[in-house]
């Protein structure tokens, strides 16, 4: 490590650590104690961890998948121990989950999920929770893993509105033309996101690809199983939509949006999906520096934020339950391995 590299201060540290309190001014002492108190509040122990984890008994080994397992008492934390008779290894309910090797209580995760679905940015969460700036992105990646596939079973029905919305690639990843200029319009430097909503309040947000939507992208996003038969599809006159209407046998309500400029939002026939597109962009702007490789992960978090259950605490319970029922894990060192750029810098031809 270079001797010139500045060492990061611990999230719990203050400028006055190690200095006797009698040498501090009243203001310095007040700020120090307030900071320490808030850190302790955000990182306090939670008595319910044991009951939470043991409430999800294992029926198979998380390492080899064998159902030949036996209970073998409790570990020092009070967690149920299991022995796999096939591979011979011990494990507990947290093995193979996002909580494996975690030093923070489940209550911290519950609070984190509430923040994530509240349109708070990663930087804001780090500041509010007094966490290292490497911790919150890692937790977001774990949350993405837990929510992977959460929108797979969404079915829109009745009156359904769809649209494609576009969000720019990060400038560092944008592909340029041979002359070094950025292409104009809806180029491959734009993330295409399919947004759908029905009159029952169900919504979905799917990364379709890059550049302007086409029939193949639209069918992959809103095709078989995503829109119920006999539904009415309300949409603009995008060329990618007619094939969807024909394939699914939907009632077709094509709206010429270009003739509706200036119409108040509450009277606009596409307002339900327009509102969802606006909220989607607001959510992504709250994470403006995010790695575009993770776009679907952020859209999955947005899905949880915008759909039932309505209460944020119920949403947190949903995520924690999913984390245990569909266990996935991600190690800190694995996450912080060097990643390739999300998009090649090759020039557009």
Protein backbone atom coordinates (compact mmCIF):
# COMPACT_ATOMS: atom_id res chain seq x y z
CA UNK A 1 0.00 0.00 0.00
CA UNK A 2 1.28 3.40 -0.95
CA UNK A 3 2.36 5.56 1.96
CA UNK A 4 0.59 8.52 0.29
CA UNK A 5 -2.83 6.84 0.31
CA UNK A 6 -5.16 8.52 2.76
CA UNK A 7 -6.73 6.12 5.21
CA UNK A 8 -10.51 6.31 5.54
CA UNK A 9 -11.87 7.26 8.92
CA UNK A 10 -14.11 4.66 10.56
CA UNK A 11 -17.85 5.57 10.46
CA UNK A 12 -17.91 5.63 14.28
CA UNK A 13 -14.87 7.90 14.59
CA UNK A 14 -14.88 11.59 15.48
CA UNK A 15 -12.04 14.17 15.29
CA UNK A 16 -11.80 14.13 19.08
CA UNK A 17 -11.29 10.40 19.74
CA UNK A 18 -8.42 9.85 22.16
CA UNK A 19 -8.60 13.37 23.55
CA UNK A 20 -9.66 13.63 27.22
CA UNK A 21 -13.15 15.09 27.52
CA UNK A 22 -11.89 17.82 29.89
CA UNK A 23 -9.80 19.21 27.04
CA UNK A 24 -12.78 19.55 24.69
CA UNK A 25 -14.97 22.62 24.38
CA UNK A 26 -18.65 22.22 25.33
CA UNK A 27 -19.60 22.26 21.63
CA UNK A 28 -17.00 19.65 20.67
CA UNK A 29 -18.06 17.36 23.49
CA UNK A 30 -21.75 17.72 22.59
CA UNK A 31 -21.14 16.86 18.93
CA UNK A 32 -18.89 13.92 19.82
CA UNK A 33 -21.43 12.41 22.24
CA UNK A 34 -24.30 12.95 19.79
CA UNK A 35 -22.39 11.20 17.01
CA UNK A 36 -21.42 8.27 19.24
CA UNK A 37 -24.98 7.97 20.50
CA UNK A 38 -26.45 7.87 16.99
CA UNK A 39 -23.88 5.29 15.88
CA UNK A 40 -24.73 3.09 18.87
CA UNK A 41 -28.45 3.44 18.10
CA UNK A 42 -27.96 2.38 14.47
CA UNK A 43 -25.76 -0.59 15.41
CA UNK A 44 -27.38 -1.89 18.59
CA UNK A 45 -27.81 -5.60 19.22
CA UNK A 46 -31.18 -7.17 18.48
CA UNK A 47 -32.55 -9.86 20.76
CA UNK A 48 -34.75 -11.36 18.05
CA UNK A 49 -32.05 -12.66 15.68
CA UNK A 50 -32.03 -16.17 17.14
CA UNK A 51 -35.81 -16.53 16.87
CA UNK A 52 -35.82 -15.07 13.36
CA UNK A 53 -33.21 -17.42 11.91
CA UNK A 54 -34.42 -20.53 13.73
CA UNK A 55 -37.90 -19.76 12.43
CA UNK A 56 -36.71 -20.98 9.01
CA UNK A 57 -35.73 -24.66 9.53
CA UNK A 58 -33.65 -26.23 6.77
CA UNK A 59 -34.78 -29.33 4.89
CA UNK A 60 -31.66 -29.74 2.74
CA UNK A 61 -27.94 -28.99 2.84
CA UNK A 62 -27.22 -25.53 1.37
CA UNK A 63 -23.88 -26.76 0.05
CA UNK A 64 -24.63 -30.09 -1.68
CA UNK A 65 -28.43 -30.01 -1.74
CA UNK A 66 -28.83 -33.36 0.04
CA UNK A 67 -31.98 -33.82 2.18
CA UNK A 68 -30.05 -36.22 4.42
CA UNK A 69 -29.51 -33.80 7.30
CA UNK A 70 -29.76 -34.03 11.09
CA UNK A 71 -30.14 -31.47 13.87
CA UNK A 72 -27.03 -31.18 16.07
CA UNK A 73 -27.81 -28.79 18.92
CA UNK A 74 -27.20 -25.05 18.93
CA UNK A 75 -24.12 -22.96 18.27
CA UNK A 76 -22.81 -20.18 20.56
CA UNK A 77 -25.28 -17.72 19.06
CA UNK A 78 -28.21 -19.99 19.78
CA UNK A 79 -28.71 -20.92 16.14
CA UNK A 80 -29.78 -24.44 15.22
CA UNK A 81 -26.85 -26.55 13.96
CA UNK A 82 -27.32 -29.12 11.22
CA UNK A 83 -25.07 -31.92 9.96
CA UNK A 84 -25.25 -33.07 6.37
CA UNK A 85 -24.86 -36.85 6.28
CA UNK A 86 -23.90 -36.71 2.61
CA UNK A 87 -21.06 -34.16 2.55
CA UNK A 88 -20.29 -34.28 6.27
CA UNK A 89 -20.37 -30.52 6.80
CA UNK A 90 -22.17 -28.50 9.46
CA UNK A 91 -24.38 -25.54 8.71
CA UNK A 92 -27.01 -23.27 10.27
CA UNK A 93 -30.09 -21.43 9.00
CA UNK A 94 -27.94 -18.46 7.90
CA UNK A 95 -25.55 -20.56 5.77
CA UNK A 96 -25.85 -19.54 2.13
CA UNK A 97 -28.01 -16.48 2.86
CA UNK A 98 -27.22 -12.78 2.74
CA UNK A 99 -26.87 -12.88 6.53
CA UNK A 100 -23.95 -15.32 6.48
CA UNK A 101 -20.85 -13.74 8.06
CA UNK A 102 -22.82 -10.53 8.73
CA UNK A 103 -21.85 -8.71 11.90
CA UNK A 104 -24.97 -6.53 11.99
CA UNK A 105 -28.34 -7.58 13.42
CA UNK A 106 -31.46 -8.37 11.40
CA UNK A 107 -32.97 -5.10 12.66
CA UNK A 108 -30.32 -3.22 10.67
CA UNK A 109 -31.42 -5.07 7.54
CA UNK A 110 -35.07 -4.24 8.21
CA UNK A 111 -34.17 -0.56 8.52
CA UNK A 112 -32.04 -0.74 5.37
CA UNK A 113 -34.90 -2.17 3.29
CA UNK A 114 -37.23 0.60 4.48
CA UNK A 115 -34.64 3.15 3.36
CA UNK A 116 -34.10 1.43 0.00
CA UNK A 117 -37.79 1.53 -0.92
CA UNK A 118 -38.05 5.16 0.22
CA UNK A 119 -36.07 6.59 -2.73
CA UNK A 120 -33.02 7.22 -0.54
CA UNK A 121 -29.68 7.21 -2.32
CA UNK A 122 -26.80 4.93 -1.38
CA UNK A 123 -24.78 7.93 -0.18
CA UNK A 124 -27.66 9.21 1.95
CA UNK A 125 -28.13 5.79 3.55
CA UNK A 126 -24.42 5.57 4.35
CA UNK A 127 -24.46 8.99 6.00
CA UNK A 128 -27.68 8.36 7.92
CA UNK A 129 -26.58 4.96 9.23
CA UNK A 130 -22.96 5.94 9.97
CA UNK A 131 -21.72 3.14 7.73
CA UNK A 132 -18.53 2.85 5.71
CA UNK A 133 -18.99 3.94 2.09
CA UNK A 134 -18.15 0.39 0.99
CA UNK A 135 -20.91 -1.18 3.09
CA UNK A 136 -24.09 0.23 1.57
CA UNK A 137 -23.26 -0.64 -2.10
CA UNK A 138 -22.46 -4.16 -0.90
CA UNK A 139 -25.79 -4.40 0.91
CA UNK A 140 -27.58 -3.12 -2.20
CA UNK A 141 -25.95 -5.90 -4.22
CA UNK A 142 -27.20 -8.42 -1.66
CA UNK A 143 -30.67 -6.92 -1.90
CA UNK A 144 -30.55 -7.25 -5.69
CA UNK A 145 -29.67 -10.94 -5.31
CA UNK A 146 -32.60 -11.52 -2.95
CA UNK A 147 -35.03 -9.77 -5.31
CA UNK A 148 -33.79 -11.41 -8.50
CA UNK A 149 -36.82 -12.74 -10.36
CA UNK A 150 -39.31 -10.97 -8.07
CA UNK A 151 -41.20 -9.64 -11.12
CA UNK A 152 -41.33 -12.96 -12.98
CA UNK A 153 -44.89 -13.75 -11.86
CA UNK A 154 -46.40 -10.30 -12.39
CA UNK A 155 -49.55 -10.44 -14.54
CA UNK A 156 -51.23 -7.18 -15.58
CA UNK A 157 -54.94 -7.44 -16.30
CA UNK A 158 -58.07 -5.45 -17.10
CA UNK A 159 -57.08 -2.03 -18.36
CA UNK A 160 -53.33 -2.15 -18.98
CA UNK A 161 -51.04 0.75 -19.90
CA UNK A 162 -47.51 0.18 -21.23
CA UNK A 163 -44.73 2.41 -22.50
CA UNK A 164 -40.99 2.42 -23.05
CA UNK A 165 -38.89 4.90 -21.11
CA UNK A 166 -35.23 5.69 -21.71
CA UNK A 167 -32.42 6.43 -19.29
CA UNK A 168 -28.88 7.42 -20.36
CA UNK A 169 -25.80 5.31 -19.91
CA UNK A 170 -23.09 6.72 -17.68
CA UNK A 171 -20.90 9.12 -19.65
CA UNK A 172 -17.80 6.98 -19.04
CA UNK A 173 -19.49 4.01 -20.74
CA UNK A 174 -21.14 5.80 -23.64
CA UNK A 175 -20.23 4.52 -27.08
CA UNK A 176 -19.08 7.19 -29.54
CA UNK A 177 -19.03 7.54 -33.30
CA UNK A 178 -15.73 7.37 -35.23
CA UNK A 179 -15.52 11.16 -35.08
CA UNK A 180 -15.63 11.04 -31.28
CA UNK A 181 -19.12 12.52 -31.04
CA UNK A 182 -22.02 10.96 -29.16
CA UNK A 183 -24.84 9.72 -31.41
CA UNK A 184 -28.06 11.70 -31.26
CA UNK A 185 -31.54 10.47 -30.45
CA UNK A 186 -32.43 7.11 -28.96
CA UNK A 187 -29.10 5.39 -29.53
CA UNK A 188 -27.54 2.40 -27.87
CA UNK A 189 -26.39 4.79 -25.15
CA UNK A 190 -29.96 4.77 -23.84
CA UNK A 191 -31.27 2.06 -21.52
CA UNK A 192 -34.72 0.98 -22.73
CA UNK A 193 -37.03 0.21 -19.80
CA UNK A 194 -40.47 -1.30 -20.28
CA UNK A 195 -43.02 0.10 -17.83
CA UNK A 196 -46.49 -1.36 -17.32
CA UNK A 197 -49.38 -0.73 -14.95
CA UNK A 198 -53.00 -1.89 -14.68
CA UNK A 199 -56.12 -0.44 -13.09
CA UNK A 200 -55.69 -2.72 -10.06
CA UNK A 201 -52.48 -0.88 -9.15
CA UNK A 202 -50.03 -3.58 -10.25
CA UNK A 203 -46.92 -2.25 -11.95
CA UNK A 204 -43.77 -3.68 -13.48
CA UNK A 205 -40.39 -2.29 -14.56
CA UNK A 206 -38.20 -4.38 -16.88
CA UNK A 207 -34.91 -3.55 -18.59
CA UNK A 208 -35.62 -4.41 -22.23
CA UNK A 209 -32.24 -3.64 -23.76
CA UNK A 210 -30.40 -0.71 -25.33
CA UNK A 211 -31.67 1.80 -27.84
CA UNK A 212 -35.17 2.10 -29.28
CA UNK A 213 -37.59 -0.70 -28.50
CA UNK A 214 -38.53 -3.17 -31.22
CA UNK A 215 -41.12 -5.92 -31.49
CA UNK A 216 -38.78 -8.61 -30.19
CA UNK A 217 -37.89 -6.60 -27.09
CA UNK A 218 -41.52 -5.73 -26.40
CA UNK A 219 -42.68 -9.34 -26.77
CA UNK A 220 -39.89 -10.55 -24.47
CA UNK A 221 -40.95 -8.01 -21.83
CA UNK A 222 -44.73 -7.99 -22.07
CA UNK A 223 -45.40 -11.23 -23.95
CA UNK A 224 -46.66 -14.61 -22.81
CA UNK A 225 -47.94 -14.56 -19.24
CA UNK A 226 -47.26 -10.87 -18.48
CA UNK A 227 -50.64 -9.50 -19.66
CA UNK A 228 -53.84 -11.46 -19.03
CA UNK A 229 -56.01 -12.48 -22.04
CA UNK A 230 -58.94 -10.21 -22.92
CA UNK A 231 -57.24 -7.19 -21.33
CA UNK A 232 -57.41 -3.78 -22.98
CA UNK A 233 -54.01 -2.39 -23.89
CA UNK A 234 -53.71 1.39 -23.76
CA UNK A 235 -50.52 2.56 -25.47
CA UNK A 236 -49.00 5.14 -27.74
CA UNK A 237 -48.55 4.30 -31.40
CA UNK A 238 -45.08 2.83 -31.02
CA UNK A 239 -44.28 0.40 -33.85
CA UNK A 240 -43.27 -2.32 -31.36
CA UNK A 241 -46.76 -2.63 -29.85
CA UNK A 242 -49.08 -3.99 -32.62
CA UNK A 243 -47.40 -7.42 -32.61
CA UNK A 244 -48.05 -7.68 -28.87
CA UNK A 245 -51.75 -6.90 -29.36
CA UNK A 246 -52.08 -9.53 -32.12
CA UNK A 247 -50.10 -12.22 -30.33
CA UNK A 248 -52.02 -11.92 -27.04
CA UNK A 249 -55.41 -11.15 -28.56
CA UNK A 250 -55.82 -7.89 -26.63
CA UNK A 251 -58.31 -5.09 -27.09
CA UNK A 252 -56.34 -2.32 -28.76
CA UNK A 253 -56.54 1.32 -27.63
CA UNK A 254 -53.94 3.23 -29.62
CA UNK A 255 -53.46 6.80 -28.47
CA UNK A 256 -51.83 9.51 -30.55
CA UNK A 257 -49.78 11.16 -27.80
CA UNK A 258 -48.44 13.83 -30.17
CA UNK A 259 -51.93 15.36 -30.34
CA UNK A 260 -52.27 15.51 -26.56
CA UNK A 261 -49.50 17.97 -25.75
CA UNK A 262 -50.69 20.48 -23.19
CA UNK A 263 -53.45 18.22 -21.88
CA UNK A 264 -53.50 18.29 -18.03
CA UNK A 265 -51.99 15.19 -16.48
CA UNK A 266 -55.23 14.15 -14.79
CA UNK A 267 -57.00 14.13 -18.18
CA UNK A 268 -54.27 12.43 -20.20
CA UNK A 269 -55.32 8.90 -21.26
CA UNK A 270 -51.76 7.62 -20.70
CA UNK A 271 -51.38 9.22 -17.27
CA UNK A 272 -51.20 5.90 -15.32
CA UNK A 273 -48.08 4.77 -17.19
CA UNK A 274 -46.69 8.31 -17.57
CA UNK A 275 -46.73 8.63 -13.78
CA UNK A 276 -44.87 5.34 -13.36
CA UNK A 277 -42.25 6.42 -15.90
CA UNK A 278 -41.78 9.68 -13.98
CA UNK A 279 -41.36 7.86 -10.65
CA UNK A 280 -38.96 5.37 -12.23
CA UNK A 281 -36.71 8.16 -13.47
CA UNK A 282 -36.91 9.94 -10.11
CA UNK A 283 -35.83 6.74 -8.39
CA UNK A 284 -32.89 6.21 -10.74
CA UNK A 285 -31.84 9.87 -10.44
CA UNK A 286 -31.66 9.38 -6.67
CA UNK A 287 -28.90 6.84 -7.51
CA UNK A 288 -27.42 8.87 -10.37
CA UNK A 289 -23.95 7.34 -10.14
CA UNK A 290 -25.13 3.73 -10.13
CA UNK A 291 -23.48 1.04 -12.22
CA UNK A 292 -25.79 0.48 -15.19
CA UNK A 293 -24.93 -3.24 -15.02
CA UNK A 294 -27.22 -3.29 -11.98
CA UNK A 295 -30.19 -1.62 -13.69
CA UNK A 296 -32.57 -4.56 -13.21
CA UNK A 297 -31.63 -4.78 -9.54
CA UNK A 298 -32.66 -1.16 -9.02
CA UNK A 299 -35.86 -1.75 -10.99
CA UNK A 300 -36.66 -4.72 -8.75
CA UNK A 301 -36.27 -2.50 -5.68
CA UNK A 302 -38.56 0.04 -7.36
CA UNK A 303 -41.10 -2.74 -8.01
CA UNK A 304 -41.17 -3.55 -4.30
CA UNK A 305 -41.56 0.16 -3.50
CA UNK A 306 -44.51 0.65 -5.88
CA UNK A 307 -46.51 -2.54 -5.31
CA UNK A 308 -48.33 -4.27 -2.45
CA UNK A 309 -47.92 -4.51 0.46
CA UNK A 310 -48.39 -0.78 0.90
CA UNK A 311 -46.74 -0.34 4.31
CA UNK A 312 -42.95 -0.02 4.20
CA UNK A 313 -42.55 -2.23 7.28
CA UNK A 314 -44.54 -4.94 5.52
CA UNK A 315 -42.24 -4.55 2.53
CA UNK A 316 -39.24 -5.07 4.82
CA UNK A 317 -40.84 -8.24 6.22
CA UNK A 318 -41.47 -9.47 2.66
CA UNK A 319 -37.81 -9.00 1.72
CA UNK A 320 -36.46 -10.65 4.90
CA UNK A 321 -38.78 -13.63 4.38
CA UNK A 322 -37.68 -13.94 0.75
CA UNK A 323 -34.03 -13.79 1.83
CA UNK A 324 -34.53 -16.89 4.01
CA UNK A 325 -36.95 -18.85 1.82
CA UNK A 326 -34.89 -18.33 -1.36
CA UNK A 327 -31.37 -18.12 0.09
CA UNK A 328 -28.59 -16.44 -1.87
CA UNK A 329 -25.29 -15.09 -0.68
CA UNK A 330 -22.58 -12.71 -1.83
CA UNK A 331 -19.23 -12.32 -0.15
CA UNK A 332 -17.64 -8.91 0.35
CA UNK A 333 -14.41 -9.75 -1.48
CA UNK A 334 -16.33 -11.31 -4.36
CA UNK A 335 -18.44 -8.20 -4.77
CA UNK A 336 -15.47 -5.84 -4.79
CA UNK A 337 -13.50 -7.73 -7.40
CA UNK A 338 -12.74 -5.52 -10.38
CA UNK A 339 -15.71 -5.53 -12.75
CA UNK A 340 -15.62 -4.88 -16.51
CA UNK A 341 -17.24 -1.75 -17.89
CA UNK A 342 -21.00 -2.11 -18.33
CA UNK A 343 -20.73 -1.26 -22.02
CA UNK A 344 -17.81 -1.53 -24.38
CA UNK A 345 -16.27 1.72 -25.56
CA UNK A 346 -16.24 0.45 -29.12
CA UNK A 347 -17.25 3.08 -31.65
CA UNK A 348 -20.65 2.91 -33.35
CA UNK A 349 -20.42 1.97 -36.98
